[in-house]
């Protein structure tokens, strides 16, 4: 009986250790991610005035990163609309999808055929 208790305790401790390791990795990746965008902003010499504005990074016609948006208002394979502080952004194309979605950033992939924005109504 004592042998069974030791094995249960060992498995439980292994799970706890694995959970701690995953949390440390997530924290490190988040820090590295934040650090990357801080370095990018610094290298582009963006001032504080631009920091709160919508930022778009377009890689060819297949990938776009949008920062500083409020919400997604439309999401289809042909069109993605985002609301920002001052604008409504529309990304059009084919096979569009959100590769990742974070509170202040989104990455859109697919065949991007057009990007437009208009002053938000308000």
PDB file of N, CA and C in Angstrom:
ATOM      1  N   UNK A   1       0.803  -1.198   0.000  1.00  0.00           N
ATOM      2  CA  UNK A   1       0.000   0.000   0.000  1.00  0.00           C
ATOM      3  C   UNK A   1       0.845   1.260   0.000  1.00  0.00           C
ATOM      4  N   UNK A   2       1.917   1.251   0.741  1.00  0.00           N
ATOM      5  CA  UNK A   2       2.762   2.442   0.818  1.00  0.00           C
ATOM      6  C   UNK A   2       3.355   2.760  -0.547  1.00  0.00           C
ATOM      7  N   UNK A   3       3.647   1.727  -1.349  1.00  0.00           N
ATOM      8  CA  UNK A   3       4.190   1.929  -2.687  1.00  0.00           C
ATOM      9  C   UNK A   3       3.220   2.672  -3.590  1.00  0.00           C
ATOM     10  N   UNK A   4       1.928   2.413  -3.468  1.00  0.00           N
ATOM     11  CA  UNK A   4       0.923   3.081  -4.281  1.00  0.00           C
ATOM     12  C   UNK A   4       0.834   4.565  -3.939  1.00  0.00           C
ATOM     13  N   UNK A   5       0.932   4.898  -2.688  1.00  0.00           N
ATOM     14  CA  UNK A   5       0.870   6.296  -2.274  1.00  0.00           C
ATOM     15  C   UNK A   5       2.051   7.077  -2.839  1.00  0.00           C
ATOM     16  N   UNK A   6       3.199   6.479  -2.848  1.00  0.00           N
ATOM     17  CA  UNK A   6       4.398   7.142  -3.372  1.00  0.00           C
ATOM     18  C   UNK A   6       4.216   7.408  -4.862  1.00  0.00           C
ATOM     19  N   UNK A   7       3.695   6.442  -5.618  1.00  0.00           N
ATOM     20  CA  UNK A   7       3.495   6.619  -7.055  1.00  0.00           C
ATOM     21  C   UNK A   7       2.468   7.721  -7.324  1.00  0.00           C
ATOM     22  N   UNK A   8       1.362   7.746  -6.570  1.00  0.00           N
ATOM     23  CA  UNK A   8       0.353   8.784  -6.751  1.00  0.00           C
ATOM     24  C   UNK A   8       0.944  10.157  -6.486  1.00  0.00           C
ATOM     25  N   UNK A   9       1.710  10.265  -5.398  1.00  0.00           N
ATOM     26  CA  UNK A   9       2.338  11.539  -5.046  1.00  0.00           C
ATOM     27  C   UNK A   9       3.325  11.958  -6.130  1.00  0.00           C
ATOM     28  N   UNK A  10       4.055  11.005  -6.669  1.00  0.00           N
ATOM     29  CA  UNK A  10       5.052  11.311  -7.702  1.00  0.00           C
ATOM     30  C   UNK A  10       4.362  11.828  -8.966  1.00  0.00           C
ATOM     31  N   UNK A  11       3.270  11.188  -9.398  1.00  0.00           N
ATOM     32  CA  UNK A  11       2.538  11.636 -10.578  1.00  0.00           C
ATOM     33  C   UNK A  11       1.947  13.018 -10.355  1.00  0.00           C
ATOM     34  N   UNK A  12       1.387  13.240  -9.177  1.00  0.00           N
ATOM     35  CA  UNK A  12       0.814  14.536  -8.859  1.00  0.00           C
ATOM     36  C   UNK A  12       1.883  15.623  -8.892  1.00  0.00           C
ATOM     37  N   UNK A  13       3.038  15.331  -8.344  1.00  0.00           N
ATOM     38  CA  UNK A  13       4.132  16.303  -8.342  1.00  0.00           C
ATOM     39  C   UNK A  13       4.628  16.552  -9.763  1.00  0.00           C
ATOM     40  N   UNK A  14       4.673  15.508 -10.602  1.00  0.00           N
ATOM     41  CA  UNK A  14       5.095  15.673 -11.996  1.00  0.00           C
ATOM     42  C   UNK A  14       4.130  16.598 -12.741  1.00  0.00           C
ATOM     43  N   UNK A  15       2.835  16.445 -12.496  1.00  0.00           N
ATOM     44  CA  UNK A  15       1.841  17.309 -13.127  1.00  0.00           C
ATOM     45  C   UNK A  15       2.028  18.757 -12.688  1.00  0.00           C
ATOM     46  N   UNK A  16       2.259  18.963 -11.392  1.00  0.00           N
ATOM     47  CA  UNK A  16       2.479  20.313 -10.877  1.00  0.00           C
ATOM     48  C   UNK A  16       3.731  20.931 -11.508  1.00  0.00           C
ATOM     49  N   UNK A  17       4.785  20.135 -11.606  1.00  0.00           N
ATOM     50  CA  UNK A  17       6.035  20.630 -12.201  1.00  0.00           C
ATOM     51  C   UNK A  17       5.833  20.989 -13.666  1.00  0.00           C
ATOM     52  N   UNK A  18       5.101  20.152 -14.388  1.00  0.00           N
ATOM     53  CA  UNK A  18       4.822  20.416 -15.795  1.00  0.00           C
ATOM     54  C   UNK A  18       4.000  21.696 -15.950  1.00  0.00           C
ATOM     55  N   UNK A  19       3.004  21.876 -15.100  1.00  0.00           N
ATOM     56  CA  UNK A  19       2.172  23.077 -15.124  1.00  0.00           C
ATOM     57  C   UNK A  19       3.030  24.319 -14.874  1.00  0.00           C
ATOM     58  N   UNK A  20       3.915  24.262 -13.888  1.00  0.00           N
ATOM     59  CA  UNK A  20       4.798  25.393 -13.597  1.00  0.00           C
ATOM     60  C   UNK A  20       5.702  25.691 -14.784  1.00  0.00           C
ATOM     61  N   UNK A  21       6.209  24.646 -15.427  1.00  0.00           N
ATOM     62  CA  UNK A  21       7.094  24.823 -16.584  1.00  0.00           C
ATOM     63  C   UNK A  21       6.339  25.496 -17.736  1.00  0.00           C
ATOM     64  N   UNK A  22       5.115  25.077 -17.993  1.00  0.00           N
ATOM     65  CA  UNK A  22       4.299  25.678 -19.054  1.00  0.00           C
ATOM     66  C   UNK A  22       4.041  27.151 -18.739  1.00  0.00           C
ATOM     67  N   UNK A  23       3.704  27.465 -17.498  1.00  0.00           N
ATOM     68  CA  UNK A  23       3.449  28.855 -17.095  1.00  0.00           C
ATOM     69  C   UNK A  23       4.699  29.720 -17.264  1.00  0.00           C
ATOM     70  N   UNK A  24       5.861  29.172 -16.889  1.00  0.00           N
ATOM     71  CA  UNK A  24       7.119  29.926 -17.067  1.00  0.00           C
ATOM     72  C   UNK A  24       7.389  30.188 -18.536  1.00  0.00           C
ATOM     73  N   UNK A  25       7.151  29.179 -19.376  1.00  0.00           N
ATOM     74  CA  UNK A  25       7.369  29.320 -20.811  1.00  0.00           C
ATOM     75  C   UNK A  25       6.428  30.368 -21.388  1.00  0.00           C
ATOM     76  N   UNK A  26       5.151  30.331 -21.010  1.00  0.00           N
ATOM     77  CA  UNK A  26       4.185  31.324 -21.492  1.00  0.00           C
ATOM     78  C   UNK A  26       4.598  32.735 -21.081  1.00  0.00           C
ATOM     79  N   UNK A  27       5.039  32.885 -19.857  1.00  0.00           N
ATOM     80  CA  UNK A  27       5.462  34.195 -19.356  1.00  0.00           C
ATOM     81  C   UNK A  27       6.676  34.693 -20.133  1.00  0.00           C
ATOM     82  N   UNK A  28       7.652  33.810 -20.386  1.00  0.00           N
ATOM     83  CA  UNK A  28       8.851  34.186 -21.131  1.00  0.00           C
ATOM     84  C   UNK A  28       8.497  34.570 -22.566  1.00  0.00           C
ATOM     85  N   UNK A  29       7.615  33.794 -23.215  1.00  0.00           N
ATOM     86  CA  UNK A  29       7.215  34.101 -24.590  1.00  0.00           C
ATOM     87  C   UNK A  29       6.486  35.431 -24.663  1.00  0.00           C
ATOM     88  N   UNK A  30       5.630  35.716 -23.686  1.00  0.00           N
ATOM     89  CA  UNK A  30       4.915  36.994 -23.670  1.00  0.00           C
ATOM     90  C   UNK A  30       5.903  38.144 -23.514  1.00  0.00           C
ATOM     91  N   UNK A  31       6.888  37.970 -22.658  1.00  0.00           N
ATOM     92  CA  UNK A  31       7.902  39.005 -22.447  1.00  0.00           C
ATOM     93  C   UNK A  31       8.708  39.219 -23.729  1.00  0.00           C
ATOM     94  N   UNK A  32       9.100  38.125 -24.399  1.00  0.00           N
ATOM     95  CA  UNK A  32       9.852  38.230 -25.647  1.00  0.00           C
ATOM     96  C   UNK A  32       9.006  38.914 -26.726  1.00  0.00           C
ATOM     97  N   UNK A  33       7.732  38.574 -26.785  1.00  0.00           N
ATOM     98  CA  UNK A  33       6.816  39.150 -27.767  1.00  0.00           C
ATOM     99  C   UNK A  33       6.699  40.658 -27.547  1.00  0.00           C
ATOM    100  N   UNK A  34       6.478  41.061 -26.307  1.00  0.00           N
ATOM    101  CA  UNK A  34       6.379  42.482 -25.972  1.00  0.00           C
ATOM    102  C   UNK A  34       7.683  43.182 -26.300  1.00  0.00           C
ATOM    103  N   UNK A  35       8.775  42.559 -25.964  1.00  0.00           N
ATOM    104  CA  UNK A  35      10.093  43.140 -26.225  1.00  0.00           C
ATOM    105  C   UNK A  35      10.310  43.349 -27.716  1.00  0.00           C
ATOM    106  N   UNK A  36       9.849  42.401 -28.541  1.00  0.00           N
ATOM    107  CA  UNK A  36       9.992  42.522 -29.995  1.00  0.00           C
ATOM    108  C   UNK A  36       9.295  43.778 -30.501  1.00  0.00           C
ATOM    109  N   UNK A  37       8.058  44.007 -30.070  1.00  0.00           N
ATOM    110  CA  UNK A  37       7.317  45.167 -30.553  1.00  0.00           C
ATOM    111  C   UNK A  37       7.860  46.470 -29.981  1.00  0.00           C
ATOM    112  N   UNK A  38       8.410  46.435 -28.785  1.00  0.00           N
ATOM    113  CA  UNK A  38       9.059  47.633 -28.257  1.00  0.00           C
ATOM    114  C   UNK A  38      10.282  47.979 -29.103  1.00  0.00           C
ATOM    115  N   UNK A  39      11.074  46.957 -29.455  1.00  0.00           N
ATOM    116  CA  UNK A  39      12.256  47.194 -30.309  1.00  0.00           C
ATOM    117  C   UNK A  39      11.833  47.671 -31.690  1.00  0.00           C
ATOM    118  N   UNK A  40      10.755  47.085 -32.234  1.00  0.00           N
ATOM    119  CA  UNK A  40      10.269  47.493 -33.547  1.00  0.00           C
ATOM    120  C   UNK A  40       9.823  48.943 -33.517  1.00  0.00           C
ATOM    121  N   UNK A  41       9.063  49.318 -32.507  1.00  0.00           N
ATOM    122  CA  UNK A  41       8.599  50.698 -32.372  1.00  0.00           C
ATOM    123  C   UNK A  41       9.786  51.643 -32.239  1.00  0.00           C
ATOM    124  N   UNK A  42      10.762  51.265 -31.418  1.00  0.00           N
ATOM    125  CA  UNK A  42      11.948  52.106 -31.253  1.00  0.00           C
ATOM    126  C   UNK A  42      12.727  52.232 -32.555  1.00  0.00           C
ATOM    127  N   UNK A  43      12.859  51.127 -33.291  1.00  0.00           N
ATOM    128  CA  UNK A  43      13.636  51.171 -34.533  1.00  0.00           C
ATOM    129  C   UNK A  43      12.940  52.013 -35.602  1.00  0.00           C
ATOM    130  N   UNK A  44      11.616  52.081 -35.552  1.00  0.00           N
ATOM    131  CA  UNK A  44      10.880  52.903 -36.503  1.00  0.00           C
ATOM    132  C   UNK A  44      10.768  54.351 -36.033  1.00  0.00           C
ATOM    133  N   UNK A  45      11.291  54.627 -34.848  1.00  0.00           N
ATOM    134  CA  UNK A  45      11.247  55.965 -34.244  1.00  0.00           C
ATOM    135  C   UNK A  45       9.817  56.497 -34.157  1.00  0.00           C
ATOM    136  N   UNK A  46       8.905  55.661 -33.726  1.00  0.00           N
ATOM    137  CA  UNK A  46       7.523  56.086 -33.565  1.00  0.00           C
ATOM    138  C   UNK A  46       7.402  56.934 -32.319  1.00  0.00           C
ATOM    139  N   UNK A  47       6.747  58.049 -32.427  1.00  0.00           N
ATOM    140  CA  UNK A  47       6.564  58.926 -31.281  1.00  0.00           C
ATOM    141  C   UNK A  47       5.352  58.506 -30.485  1.00  0.00           C
ATOM    142  N   UNK A  48       5.138  59.151 -29.361  1.00  0.00           N
ATOM    143  CA  UNK A  48       3.982  58.849 -28.521  1.00  0.00           C
ATOM    144  C   UNK A  48       2.682  59.142 -29.230  1.00  0.00           C
ATOM    145  N   UNK A  49       2.673  60.126 -30.165  1.00  0.00           N
ATOM    146  CA  UNK A  49       1.454  60.456 -30.901  1.00  0.00           C
ATOM    147  C   UNK A  49       0.989  59.281 -31.749  1.00  0.00           C
ATOM    148  N   UNK A  50       1.921  58.557 -32.314  1.00  0.00           N
ATOM    149  CA  UNK A  50       1.590  57.444 -33.197  1.00  0.00           C
ATOM    150  C   UNK A  50       1.293  56.181 -32.397  1.00  0.00           C
ATOM    151  N   UNK A  51       1.804  56.102 -31.198  1.00  0.00           N
ATOM    152  CA  UNK A  51       1.697  54.860 -30.422  1.00  0.00           C
ATOM    153  C   UNK A  51       0.259  54.405 -30.210  1.00  0.00           C
ATOM    154  N   UNK A  52      -0.692  55.315 -30.062  1.00  0.00           N
ATOM    155  CA  UNK A  52      -2.081  54.916 -29.846  1.00  0.00           C
ATOM    156  C   UNK A  52      -2.856  54.713 -31.127  1.00  0.00           C
ATOM    157  N   UNK A  53      -2.270  55.031 -32.250  1.00  0.00           N
ATOM    158  CA  UNK A  53      -2.945  54.919 -33.543  1.00  0.00           C
ATOM    159  C   UNK A  53      -2.957  53.483 -34.039  1.00  0.00           C
ATOM    160  N   UNK A  54      -3.833  53.219 -34.988  1.00  0.00           N
ATOM    161  CA  UNK A  54      -3.880  51.926 -35.654  1.00  0.00           C
ATOM    162  C   UNK A  54      -2.571  51.753 -36.436  1.00  0.00           C
ATOM    163  N   UNK A  55      -1.933  50.606 -36.277  1.00  0.00           N
ATOM    164  CA  UNK A  55      -0.707  50.310 -37.014  1.00  0.00           C
ATOM    165  C   UNK A  55      -0.935  49.073 -37.867  1.00  0.00           C
ATOM    166  N   UNK A  56      -0.538  49.132 -39.132  1.00  0.00           N
ATOM    167  CA  UNK A  56      -0.682  48.017 -40.058  1.00  0.00           C
ATOM    168  C   UNK A  56       0.683  47.593 -40.557  1.00  0.00           C
ATOM    169  N   UNK A  57       0.931  46.310 -40.539  1.00  0.00           N
ATOM    170  CA  UNK A  57       2.144  45.744 -41.109  1.00  0.00           C
ATOM    171  C   UNK A  57       1.682  44.761 -42.185  1.00  0.00           C
ATOM    172  N   UNK A  58       2.066  45.008 -43.408  1.00  0.00           N
ATOM    173  CA  UNK A  58       1.636  44.169 -44.519  1.00  0.00           C
ATOM    174  C   UNK A  58       2.839  43.465 -45.108  1.00  0.00           C
ATOM    175  N   UNK A  59       2.779  42.146 -45.186  1.00  0.00           N
ATOM    176  CA  UNK A  59       3.852  41.348 -45.773  1.00  0.00           C
ATOM    177  C   UNK A  59       3.336  40.782 -47.093  1.00  0.00           C
ATOM    178  N   UNK A  60       3.693  41.437 -48.179  1.00  0.00           N
ATOM    179  CA  UNK A  60       3.208  41.006 -49.491  1.00  0.00           C
ATOM    180  C   UNK A  60       1.702  41.112 -49.544  1.00  0.00           C
ATOM    181  N   UNK A  61       1.090  40.139 -50.190  1.00  0.00           N
ATOM    182  CA  UNK A  61      -0.374  40.147 -50.288  1.00  0.00           C
ATOM    183  C   UNK A  61      -0.977  38.982 -49.513  1.00  0.00           C
ATOM    184  N   UNK A  62      -0.200  38.412 -48.594  1.00  0.00           N
ATOM    185  CA  UNK A  62      -0.695  37.221 -47.911  1.00  0.00           C
ATOM    186  C   UNK A  62      -0.743  37.324 -46.386  1.00  0.00           C
ATOM    187  N   UNK A  63      -0.220  38.392 -45.810  1.00  0.00           N
ATOM    188  CA  UNK A  63      -0.169  38.469 -44.359  1.00  0.00           C
ATOM    189  C   UNK A  63      -0.242  39.924 -43.905  1.00  0.00           C
ATOM    190  N   UNK A  64      -1.040  40.170 -42.872  1.00  0.00           N
ATOM    191  CA  UNK A  64      -1.169  41.524 -42.331  1.00  0.00           C
ATOM    192  C   UNK A  64      -1.308  41.436 -40.816  1.00  0.00           C
ATOM    193  N   UNK A  65      -0.607  42.317 -40.107  1.00  0.00           N
ATOM    194  CA  UNK A  65      -0.725  42.430 -38.664  1.00  0.00           C
ATOM    195  C   UNK A  65      -1.315  43.805 -38.376  1.00  0.00           C
ATOM    196  N   UNK A  66      -2.360  43.831 -37.568  1.00  0.00           N
ATOM    197  CA  UNK A  66      -3.026  45.080 -37.212  1.00  0.00           C
ATOM    198  C   UNK A  66      -2.934  45.238 -35.700  1.00  0.00           C
ATOM    199  N   UNK A  67      -2.446  46.385 -35.260  1.00  0.00           N
ATOM    200  CA  UNK A  67      -2.342  46.683 -33.831  1.00  0.00           C
ATOM    201  C   UNK A  67      -3.280  47.828 -33.471  1.00  0.00           C
ATOM    202  N   UNK A  68      -3.643  47.864 -32.211  1.00  0.00           N
ATOM    203  CA  UNK A  68      -4.478  48.932 -31.660  1.00  0.00           C
ATOM    204  C   UNK A  68      -5.873  48.974 -32.285  1.00  0.00           C
ATOM    205  N   UNK A  69      -6.584  47.877 -32.210  1.00  0.00           N
ATOM    206  CA  UNK A  69      -7.965  47.844 -32.678  1.00  0.00           C
ATOM    207  C   UNK A  69      -8.879  47.584 -31.499  1.00  0.00           C
ATOM    208  N   UNK A  70     -10.143  47.933 -31.645  1.00  0.00           N
ATOM    209  CA  UNK A  70     -11.105  47.772 -30.555  1.00  0.00           C
ATOM    210  C   UNK A  70     -11.856  46.454 -30.638  1.00  0.00           C
ATOM    211  N   UNK A  71     -12.390  46.162 -31.844  1.00  0.00           N
ATOM    212  CA  UNK A  71     -13.197  44.957 -31.975  1.00  0.00           C
ATOM    213  C   UNK A  71     -13.287  44.520 -33.431  1.00  0.00           C
ATOM    214  N   UNK A  72     -13.695  43.277 -33.613  1.00  0.00           N
ATOM    215  CA  UNK A  72     -13.956  42.730 -34.949  1.00  0.00           C
ATOM    216  C   UNK A  72     -15.449  42.881 -35.180  1.00  0.00           C
ATOM    217  N   UNK A  73     -15.828  43.560 -36.257  1.00  0.00           N
ATOM    218  CA  UNK A  73     -17.253  43.783 -36.526  1.00  0.00           C
ATOM    219  C   UNK A  73     -17.792  42.865 -37.615  1.00  0.00           C
ATOM    220  N   UNK A  74     -16.898  42.314 -38.443  1.00  0.00           N
ATOM    221  CA  UNK A  74     -17.319  41.367 -39.478  1.00  0.00           C
ATOM    222  C   UNK A  74     -16.163  40.413 -39.749  1.00  0.00           C
ATOM    223  N   UNK A  75     -16.502  39.121 -39.900  1.00  0.00           N
ATOM    224  CA  UNK A  75     -15.456  38.129 -40.144  1.00  0.00           C
ATOM    225  C   UNK A  75     -15.982  37.052 -41.084  1.00  0.00           C
ATOM    226  N   UNK A  76     -15.555  37.126 -42.345  1.00  0.00           N
ATOM    227  CA  UNK A  76     -15.882  36.091 -43.327  1.00  0.00           C
ATOM    228  C   UNK A  76     -14.600  35.749 -44.065  1.00  0.00           C
ATOM    229  N   UNK A  77     -14.657  34.758 -44.931  1.00  0.00           N
ATOM    230  CA  UNK A  77     -13.479  34.373 -45.709  1.00  0.00           C
ATOM    231  C   UNK A  77     -13.118  35.427 -46.744  1.00  0.00           C
ATOM    232  N   UNK A  78     -14.049  36.337 -47.042  1.00  0.00           N
ATOM    233  CA  UNK A  78     -13.805  37.365 -48.040  1.00  0.00           C
ATOM    234  C   UNK A  78     -13.603  38.764 -47.485  1.00  0.00           C
ATOM    235  N   UNK A  79     -13.978  38.960 -46.206  1.00  0.00           N
ATOM    236  CA  UNK A  79     -13.872  40.308 -45.645  1.00  0.00           C
ATOM    237  C   UNK A  79     -13.737  40.244 -44.123  1.00  0.00           C
ATOM    238  N   UNK A  80     -12.828  41.051 -43.620  1.00  0.00           N
ATOM    239  CA  UNK A  80     -12.675  41.205 -42.173  1.00  0.00           C
ATOM    240  C   UNK A  80     -12.719  42.701 -41.875  1.00  0.00           C
ATOM    241  N   UNK A  81     -13.655  43.093 -41.013  1.00  0.00           N
ATOM    242  CA  UNK A  81     -13.777  44.503 -40.615  1.00  0.00           C
ATOM    243  C   UNK A  81     -13.385  44.633 -39.149  1.00  0.00           C
ATOM    244  N   UNK A  82     -12.607  45.670 -38.868  1.00  0.00           N
ATOM    245  CA  UNK A  82     -12.164  45.948 -37.514  1.00  0.00           C
ATOM    246  C   UNK A  82     -12.504  47.384 -37.150  1.00  0.00           C
ATOM    247  N   UNK A  83     -12.885  47.575 -35.922  1.00  0.00           N
ATOM    248  CA  UNK A  83     -13.130  48.921 -35.421  1.00  0.00           C
ATOM    249  C   UNK A  83     -11.890  49.339 -34.631  1.00  0.00           C
ATOM    250  N   UNK A  84     -11.393  50.535 -34.917  1.00  0.00           N
ATOM    251  CA  UNK A  84     -10.269  51.087 -34.169  1.00  0.00           C
ATOM    252  C   UNK A  84     -10.754  52.344 -33.469  1.00  0.00           C
ATOM    253  N   UNK A  85      -9.839  53.020 -32.805  1.00  0.00           N
ATOM    254  CA  UNK A  85     -10.212  54.219 -32.060  1.00  0.00           C
ATOM    255  C   UNK A  85     -10.862  55.260 -32.973  1.00  0.00           C
ATOM    256  N   UNK A  86     -10.301  55.479 -34.166  1.00  0.00           N
ATOM    257  CA  UNK A  86     -10.801  56.526 -35.048  1.00  0.00           C
ATOM    258  C   UNK A  86     -11.331  56.018 -36.384  1.00  0.00           C
ATOM    259  N   UNK A  87     -11.038  54.762 -36.724  1.00  0.00           N
ATOM    260  CA  UNK A  87     -11.365  54.266 -38.054  1.00  0.00           C
ATOM    261  C   UNK A  87     -12.096  52.943 -38.010  1.00  0.00           C
ATOM    262  N   UNK A  88     -12.686  52.634 -39.163  1.00  0.00           N
ATOM    263  CA  UNK A  88     -13.177  51.293 -39.419  1.00  0.00           C
ATOM    264  C   UNK A  88     -12.314  50.760 -40.547  1.00  0.00           C
ATOM    265  N   UNK A  89     -11.618  49.670 -40.293  1.00  0.00           N
ATOM    266  CA  UNK A  89     -10.685  49.085 -41.252  1.00  0.00           C
ATOM    267  C   UNK A  89     -11.346  47.885 -41.913  1.00  0.00           C
ATOM    268  N   UNK A  90     -11.218  47.788 -43.234  1.00  0.00           N
ATOM    269  CA  UNK A  90     -11.784  46.666 -43.978  1.00  0.00           C
ATOM    270  C   UNK A  90     -10.682  45.989 -44.769  1.00  0.00           C
ATOM    271  N   UNK A  91     -10.460  44.708 -44.509  1.00  0.00           N
ATOM    272  CA  UNK A  91      -9.490  43.906 -45.251  1.00  0.00           C
ATOM    273  C   UNK A  91     -10.296  42.963 -46.134  1.00  0.00           C
ATOM    274  N   UNK A  92     -10.051  43.017 -47.447  1.00  0.00           N
ATOM    275  CA  UNK A  92     -10.783  42.165 -48.384  1.00  0.00           C
ATOM    276  C   UNK A  92      -9.822  41.210 -49.076  1.00  0.00           C
ATOM    277  N   UNK A  93     -10.350  40.054 -49.462  1.00  0.00           N
ATOM    278  CA  UNK A  93      -9.537  39.069 -50.148  1.00  0.00           C
ATOM    279  C   UNK A  93     -10.243  37.741 -50.237  1.00  0.00           C
ATOM    280  N   UNK A  94      -9.459  36.686 -50.379  1.00  0.00           N
ATOM    281  CA  UNK A  94     -10.011  35.333 -50.438  1.00  0.00           C
ATOM    282  C   UNK A  94      -9.286  34.463 -49.420  1.00  0.00           C
ATOM    283  N   UNK A  95      -9.999  33.513 -48.887  1.00  0.00           N
ATOM    284  CA  UNK A  95      -9.471  32.586 -47.877  1.00  0.00           C
ATOM    285  C   UNK A  95      -8.859  33.319 -46.688  1.00  0.00           C
ATOM    286  N   UNK A  96      -9.472  34.426 -46.295  1.00  0.00           N
ATOM    287  CA  UNK A  96      -8.960  35.192 -45.156  1.00  0.00           C
ATOM    288  C   UNK A  96      -9.286  34.478 -43.860  1.00  0.00           C
ATOM    289  N   UNK A  97      -8.350  34.536 -42.938  1.00  0.00           N
ATOM    290  CA  UNK A  97      -8.582  33.981 -41.607  1.00  0.00           C
ATOM    291  C   UNK A  97      -7.692  34.700 -40.609  1.00  0.00           C
ATOM    292  N   UNK A  98      -8.108  34.663 -39.364  1.00  0.00           N
ATOM    293  CA  UNK A  98      -7.309  35.254 -38.298  1.00  0.00           C
ATOM    294  C   UNK A  98      -6.362  34.176 -37.781  1.00  0.00           C
ATOM    295  N   UNK A  99      -5.078  34.362 -38.032  1.00  0.00           N
ATOM    296  CA  UNK A  99      -4.101  33.371 -37.575  1.00  0.00           C
ATOM    297  C   UNK A  99      -3.952  33.413 -36.064  1.00  0.00           C
ATOM    298  N   UNK A 100      -3.931  34.620 -35.512  1.00  0.00           N
ATOM    299  CA  UNK A 100      -4.015  34.766 -34.072  1.00  0.00           C
ATOM    300  C   UNK A 100      -4.737  36.055 -33.743  1.00  0.00           C
ATOM    301  N   UNK A 101      -5.254  36.081 -32.523  1.00  0.00           N
ATOM    302  CA  UNK A 101      -6.100  37.179 -32.091  1.00  0.00           C
ATOM    303  C   UNK A 101      -5.736  37.497 -30.646  1.00  0.00           C
ATOM    304  N   UNK A 102      -5.121  38.643 -30.428  1.00  0.00           N
ATOM    305  CA  UNK A 102      -4.738  39.084 -29.088  1.00  0.00           C
ATOM    306  C   UNK A 102      -5.538  40.344 -28.751  1.00  0.00           C
ATOM    307  N   UNK A 103      -5.554  40.764 -27.500  1.00  0.00           N
ATOM    308  CA  UNK A 103      -6.358  41.932 -27.132  1.00  0.00           C
ATOM    309  C   UNK A 103      -6.054  43.196 -27.941  1.00  0.00           C
ATOM    310  N   UNK A 104      -4.807  43.415 -28.321  1.00  0.00           N
ATOM    311  CA  UNK A 104      -4.487  44.628 -29.063  1.00  0.00           C
ATOM    312  C   UNK A 104      -3.898  44.350 -30.440  1.00  0.00           C
ATOM    313  N   UNK A 105      -3.874  43.102 -30.844  1.00  0.00           N
ATOM    314  CA  UNK A 105      -3.245  42.780 -32.122  1.00  0.00           C
ATOM    315  C   UNK A 105      -3.914  41.568 -32.756  1.00  0.00           C
ATOM    316  N   UNK A 106      -3.941  41.596 -34.071  1.00  0.00           N
ATOM    317  CA  UNK A 106      -4.517  40.487 -34.824  1.00  0.00           C
ATOM    318  C   UNK A 106      -3.649  40.256 -36.059  1.00  0.00           C
ATOM    319  N   UNK A 107      -3.525  38.997 -36.463  1.00  0.00           N
ATOM    320  CA  UNK A 107      -2.789  38.672 -37.684  1.00  0.00           C
ATOM    321  C   UNK A 107      -3.765  38.020 -38.653  1.00  0.00           C
ATOM    322  N   UNK A 108      -3.876  38.619 -39.839  1.00  0.00           N
ATOM    323  CA  UNK A 108      -4.770  38.124 -40.882  1.00  0.00           C
ATOM    324  C   UNK A 108      -3.913  37.504 -41.979  1.00  0.00           C
ATOM    325  N   UNK A 109      -4.265  36.289 -42.382  1.00  0.00           N
ATOM    326  CA  UNK A 109      -3.562  35.632 -43.479  1.00  0.00           C
ATOM    327  C   UNK A 109      -4.570  35.210 -44.532  1.00  0.00           C
ATOM    328  N   UNK A 110      -4.103  35.033 -45.741  1.00  0.00           N
ATOM    329  CA  UNK A 110      -4.930  34.683 -46.881  1.00  0.00           C
ATOM    330  C   UNK A 110      -4.483  35.532 -48.058  1.00  0.00           C
ATOM    331  N   UNK A 111      -5.230  35.523 -49.130  1.00  0.00           N
ATOM    332  CA  UNK A 111      -4.907  36.352 -50.295  1.00  0.00           C
ATOM    333  C   UNK A 111      -5.587  37.704 -50.118  1.00  0.00           C
ATOM    334  N   UNK A 112      -4.803  38.707 -49.686  1.00  0.00           N
ATOM    335  CA  UNK A 112      -5.339  40.045 -49.426  1.00  0.00           C
ATOM    336  C   UNK A 112      -5.370  40.820 -50.733  1.00  0.00           C
ATOM    337  N   UNK A 113      -6.569  41.262 -51.127  1.00  0.00           N
ATOM    338  CA  UNK A 113      -6.712  41.997 -52.390  1.00  0.00           C
ATOM    339  C   UNK A 113      -6.963  43.483 -52.181  1.00  0.00           C
ATOM    340  N   UNK A 114      -7.379  43.870 -50.976  1.00  0.00           N
ATOM    341  CA  UNK A 114      -7.634  45.281 -50.731  1.00  0.00           C
ATOM    342  C   UNK A 114      -7.716  45.610 -49.253  1.00  0.00           C
ATOM    343  N   UNK A 115      -7.297  46.828 -48.937  1.00  0.00           N
ATOM    344  CA  UNK A 115      -7.378  47.334 -47.572  1.00  0.00           C
ATOM    345  C   UNK A 115      -7.918  48.755 -47.665  1.00  0.00           C
ATOM    346  N   UNK A 116      -8.944  49.047 -46.897  1.00  0.00           N
ATOM    347  CA  UNK A 116      -9.475  50.410 -46.885  1.00  0.00           C
ATOM    348  C   UNK A 116      -9.876  50.766 -45.457  1.00  0.00           C
ATOM    349  N   UNK A 117      -9.911  52.055 -45.197  1.00  0.00           N
ATOM    350  CA  UNK A 117     -10.385  52.499 -43.902  1.00  0.00           C
ATOM    351  C   UNK A 117     -11.121  53.819 -44.059  1.00  0.00           C
ATOM    352  N   UNK A 118     -12.054  53.998 -43.160  1.00  0.00           N
ATOM    353  CA  UNK A 118     -12.902  55.185 -43.173  1.00  0.00           C
ATOM    354  C   UNK A 118     -12.987  55.718 -41.746  1.00  0.00           C
ATOM    355  N   UNK A 119     -13.209  57.009 -41.615  1.00  0.00           N
ATOM    356  CA  UNK A 119     -13.407  57.598 -40.290  1.00  0.00           C
ATOM    357  C   UNK A 119     -14.594  56.900 -39.626  1.00  0.00           C
ATOM    358  N   UNK A 120     -14.425  56.547 -38.361  1.00  0.00           N
ATOM    359  CA  UNK A 120     -15.506  55.908 -37.646  1.00  0.00           C
ATOM    360  C   UNK A 120     -16.639  56.893 -37.407  1.00  0.00           C
ATOM    361  N   UNK A 121     -17.830  56.392 -37.514  1.00  0.00           N
ATOM    362  CA  UNK A 121     -18.998  57.238 -37.241  1.00  0.00           C
ATOM    363  C   UNK A 121     -19.172  57.335 -35.749  1.00  0.00           C
ATOM    364  N   UNK A 122     -19.486  58.467 -35.276  1.00  0.00           N
ATOM    365  CA  UNK A 122     -19.643  58.546 -33.838  1.00  0.00           C
ATOM    366  C   UNK A 122     -20.029  59.869 -33.423  1.00  0.00           C
TER     367      UNK A 122
END
